[in-house]
């Protein structure tokens, strides 16, 4: 057995499949809904990947009114515009986007614990 036949296990990359999908030429434009832990029980929900032709401020206004939470639109240099909402609103956001006809259900990716 030569040295070239031995395979050394590398570190596991949990985002390898997401990065592979994003780099493909025919990849779909997914809407990513994530939750981020803040201090203690506080959390933050981010919505990224909506089409640029939508008015993010109007969508945010509807989110805030529907879910009784506060939020903002943040401009990120790599990701573009990202909607941030207070609390864990992942299920609410995905249902709202599908019911409003903004995004199809199979194009929404929900991330988080």
C-alpha atoms as a PDB file:
ATOM      1  CA  UNK A   1       0.000   0.000   0.000  1.00  0.00           C
ATOM      2  CA  UNK A   2       1.518   3.324  -1.049  1.00  0.00           C
ATOM      3  CA  UNK A   3       1.288   6.664   0.735  1.00  0.00           C
ATOM      4  CA  UNK A   4      -1.073   8.001  -1.915  1.00  0.00           C
ATOM      5  CA  UNK A   5      -3.763   5.405  -1.132  1.00  0.00           C
ATOM      6  CA  UNK A   6      -4.186   6.561   2.455  1.00  0.00           C
ATOM      7  CA  UNK A   7      -6.941   9.119   2.954  1.00  0.00           C
ATOM      8  CA  UNK A   8      -6.685  11.439   5.912  1.00  0.00           C
ATOM      9  CA  UNK A   9     -10.035  12.653   7.198  1.00  0.00           C
ATOM     10  CA  UNK A  10     -10.306  16.424   7.046  1.00  0.00           C
ATOM     11  CA  UNK A  11     -12.273  18.823   9.149  1.00  0.00           C
ATOM     12  CA  UNK A  12     -16.023  18.728   8.633  1.00  0.00           C
ATOM     13  CA  UNK A  13     -17.382  21.839   6.943  1.00  0.00           C
ATOM     14  CA  UNK A  14     -21.131  22.219   7.723  1.00  0.00           C
ATOM     15  CA  UNK A  15     -21.478  24.959   5.082  1.00  0.00           C
ATOM     16  CA  UNK A  16     -19.829  23.007   2.250  1.00  0.00           C
ATOM     17  CA  UNK A  17     -23.146  22.086   0.611  1.00  0.00           C
ATOM     18  CA  UNK A  18     -24.470  25.662   0.884  1.00  0.00           C
ATOM     19  CA  UNK A  19     -21.290  27.082  -0.659  1.00  0.00           C
ATOM     20  CA  UNK A  20     -21.392  24.494  -3.453  1.00  0.00           C
ATOM     21  CA  UNK A  21     -24.985  25.429  -4.314  1.00  0.00           C
ATOM     22  CA  UNK A  22     -24.213  29.157  -4.352  1.00  0.00           C
ATOM     23  CA  UNK A  23     -21.211  28.782  -6.661  1.00  0.00           C
ATOM     24  CA  UNK A  24     -23.071  26.808  -9.351  1.00  0.00           C
ATOM     25  CA  UNK A  25     -23.981  28.551 -12.586  1.00  0.00           C
ATOM     26  CA  UNK A  26     -27.570  27.260 -12.551  1.00  0.00           C
ATOM     27  CA  UNK A  27     -28.168  27.703  -8.827  1.00  0.00           C
ATOM     28  CA  UNK A  28     -31.524  28.953  -7.631  1.00  0.00           C
ATOM     29  CA  UNK A  29     -31.929  32.171  -5.707  1.00  0.00           C
ATOM     30  CA  UNK A  30     -32.891  31.043  -2.231  1.00  0.00           C
ATOM     31  CA  UNK A  31     -34.290  33.239   0.519  1.00  0.00           C
ATOM     32  CA  UNK A  32     -32.379  32.496   3.716  1.00  0.00           C
ATOM     33  CA  UNK A  33     -34.148  32.937   7.053  1.00  0.00           C
ATOM     34  CA  UNK A  34     -31.743  32.688   9.985  1.00  0.00           C
ATOM     35  CA  UNK A  35     -31.869  33.127  13.735  1.00  0.00           C
ATOM     36  CA  UNK A  36     -28.943  34.540  15.709  1.00  0.00           C
ATOM     37  CA  UNK A  37     -28.592  34.335  19.480  1.00  0.00           C
ATOM     38  CA  UNK A  38     -27.960  37.625  21.253  1.00  0.00           C
ATOM     39  CA  UNK A  39     -27.768  38.018  25.028  1.00  0.00           C
ATOM     40  CA  UNK A  40     -29.409  35.350  27.188  1.00  0.00           C
ATOM     41  CA  UNK A  41     -32.853  34.604  25.774  1.00  0.00           C
ATOM     42  CA  UNK A  42     -32.772  37.409  23.193  1.00  0.00           C
ATOM     43  CA  UNK A  43     -32.571  36.442  19.532  1.00  0.00           C
ATOM     44  CA  UNK A  44     -32.565  38.087  16.126  1.00  0.00           C
ATOM     45  CA  UNK A  45     -34.126  36.831  12.872  1.00  0.00           C
ATOM     46  CA  UNK A  46     -32.538  37.812   9.541  1.00  0.00           C
ATOM     47  CA  UNK A  47     -34.096  37.528   6.084  1.00  0.00           C
ATOM     48  CA  UNK A  48     -31.678  37.602   3.164  1.00  0.00           C
ATOM     49  CA  UNK A  49     -31.917  36.915  -0.551  1.00  0.00           C
ATOM     50  CA  UNK A  50     -35.171  38.621  -1.509  1.00  0.00           C
ATOM     51  CA  UNK A  51     -35.229  39.997  -5.037  1.00  0.00           C
ATOM     52  CA  UNK A  52     -33.956  43.548  -5.397  1.00  0.00           C
ATOM     53  CA  UNK A  53     -37.139  44.757  -7.087  1.00  0.00           C
ATOM     54  CA  UNK A  54     -39.100  44.411  -3.826  1.00  0.00           C
ATOM     55  CA  UNK A  55     -39.426  47.382  -1.510  1.00  0.00           C
ATOM     56  CA  UNK A  56     -37.724  46.128   1.647  1.00  0.00           C
ATOM     57  CA  UNK A  57     -39.171  48.910   3.816  1.00  0.00           C
ATOM     58  CA  UNK A  58     -42.757  47.960   2.917  1.00  0.00           C
ATOM     59  CA  UNK A  59     -42.077  44.277   3.597  1.00  0.00           C
ATOM     60  CA  UNK A  60     -40.494  45.230   6.928  1.00  0.00           C
ATOM     61  CA  UNK A  61     -43.497  47.371   7.819  1.00  0.00           C
ATOM     62  CA  UNK A  62     -45.830  44.423   7.160  1.00  0.00           C
ATOM     63  CA  UNK A  63     -43.589  42.071   9.192  1.00  0.00           C
ATOM     64  CA  UNK A  64     -43.565  44.459  12.142  1.00  0.00           C
ATOM     65  CA  UNK A  65     -47.327  44.933  12.070  1.00  0.00           C
ATOM     66  CA  UNK A  66     -48.120  41.228  11.606  1.00  0.00           C
ATOM     67  CA  UNK A  67     -45.688  39.791  14.187  1.00  0.00           C
ATOM     68  CA  UNK A  68     -45.795  42.631  16.774  1.00  0.00           C
ATOM     69  CA  UNK A  69     -42.025  43.025  16.814  1.00  0.00           C
ATOM     70  CA  UNK A  70     -39.470  45.654  15.890  1.00  0.00           C
ATOM     71  CA  UNK A  71     -37.022  45.437  12.997  1.00  0.00           C
ATOM     72  CA  UNK A  72     -34.757  47.222  10.561  1.00  0.00           C
ATOM     73  CA  UNK A  73     -33.223  46.947   7.097  1.00  0.00           C
ATOM     74  CA  UNK A  74     -29.421  46.696   7.155  1.00  0.00           C
ATOM     75  CA  UNK A  75     -27.138  47.258   4.144  1.00  0.00           C
ATOM     76  CA  UNK A  76     -24.373  44.629   4.080  1.00  0.00           C
ATOM     77  CA  UNK A  77     -21.461  44.993   1.612  1.00  0.00           C
ATOM     78  CA  UNK A  78     -21.427  41.268   0.691  1.00  0.00           C
ATOM     79  CA  UNK A  79     -25.070  40.230   1.157  1.00  0.00           C
ATOM     80  CA  UNK A  80     -26.880  43.383   0.056  1.00  0.00           C
ATOM     81  CA  UNK A  81     -29.967  44.398   2.003  1.00  0.00           C
ATOM     82  CA  UNK A  82     -30.882  42.205   4.971  1.00  0.00           C
ATOM     83  CA  UNK A  83     -34.070  42.474   7.054  1.00  0.00           C
ATOM     84  CA  UNK A  84     -33.549  42.041  10.807  1.00  0.00           C
ATOM     85  CA  UNK A  85     -36.424  41.290  13.195  1.00  0.00           C
ATOM     86  CA  UNK A  86     -36.516  40.960  16.969  1.00  0.00           C
ATOM     87  CA  UNK A  87     -37.165  37.475  18.325  1.00  0.00           C
ATOM     88  CA  UNK A  88     -37.335  34.072  16.671  1.00  0.00           C
ATOM     89  CA  UNK A  89     -39.707  34.731  13.751  1.00  0.00           C
ATOM     90  CA  UNK A  90     -38.469  32.031  11.329  1.00  0.00           C
ATOM     91  CA  UNK A  91     -41.768  30.151  10.947  1.00  0.00           C
ATOM     92  CA  UNK A  92     -43.828  33.351  10.822  1.00  0.00           C
ATOM     93  CA  UNK A  93     -41.607  34.910   8.148  1.00  0.00           C
ATOM     94  CA  UNK A  94     -41.623  31.817   5.923  1.00  0.00           C
ATOM     95  CA  UNK A  95     -45.421  31.445   6.153  1.00  0.00           C
ATOM     96  CA  UNK A  96     -45.923  35.154   5.473  1.00  0.00           C
ATOM     97  CA  UNK A  97     -43.673  35.166   2.395  1.00  0.00           C
ATOM     98  CA  UNK A  98     -45.460  32.137   0.911  1.00  0.00           C
ATOM     99  CA  UNK A  99     -48.973  33.472   1.635  1.00  0.00           C
ATOM    100  CA  UNK A 100     -48.121  36.899   0.209  1.00  0.00           C
ATOM    101  CA  UNK A 101     -46.778  35.269  -2.971  1.00  0.00           C
ATOM    102  CA  UNK A 102     -43.332  36.821  -2.613  1.00  0.00           C
ATOM    103  CA  UNK A 103     -41.431  33.502  -2.691  1.00  0.00           C
ATOM    104  CA  UNK A 104     -42.332  29.881  -3.388  1.00  0.00           C
ATOM    105  CA  UNK A 105     -42.087  27.502  -0.441  1.00  0.00           C
ATOM    106  CA  UNK A 106     -39.305  25.386  -1.983  1.00  0.00           C
ATOM    107  CA  UNK A 107     -37.065  28.460  -2.379  1.00  0.00           C
ATOM    108  CA  UNK A 108     -37.022  29.283   1.356  1.00  0.00           C
ATOM    109  CA  UNK A 109     -34.193  27.892   3.482  1.00  0.00           C
ATOM    110  CA  UNK A 110     -34.636  28.101   7.239  1.00  0.00           C
ATOM    111  CA  UNK A 111     -31.390  28.008   9.233  1.00  0.00           C
ATOM    112  CA  UNK A 112     -30.742  27.864  12.966  1.00  0.00           C
ATOM    113  CA  UNK A 113     -30.944  25.622  15.948  1.00  0.00           C
END
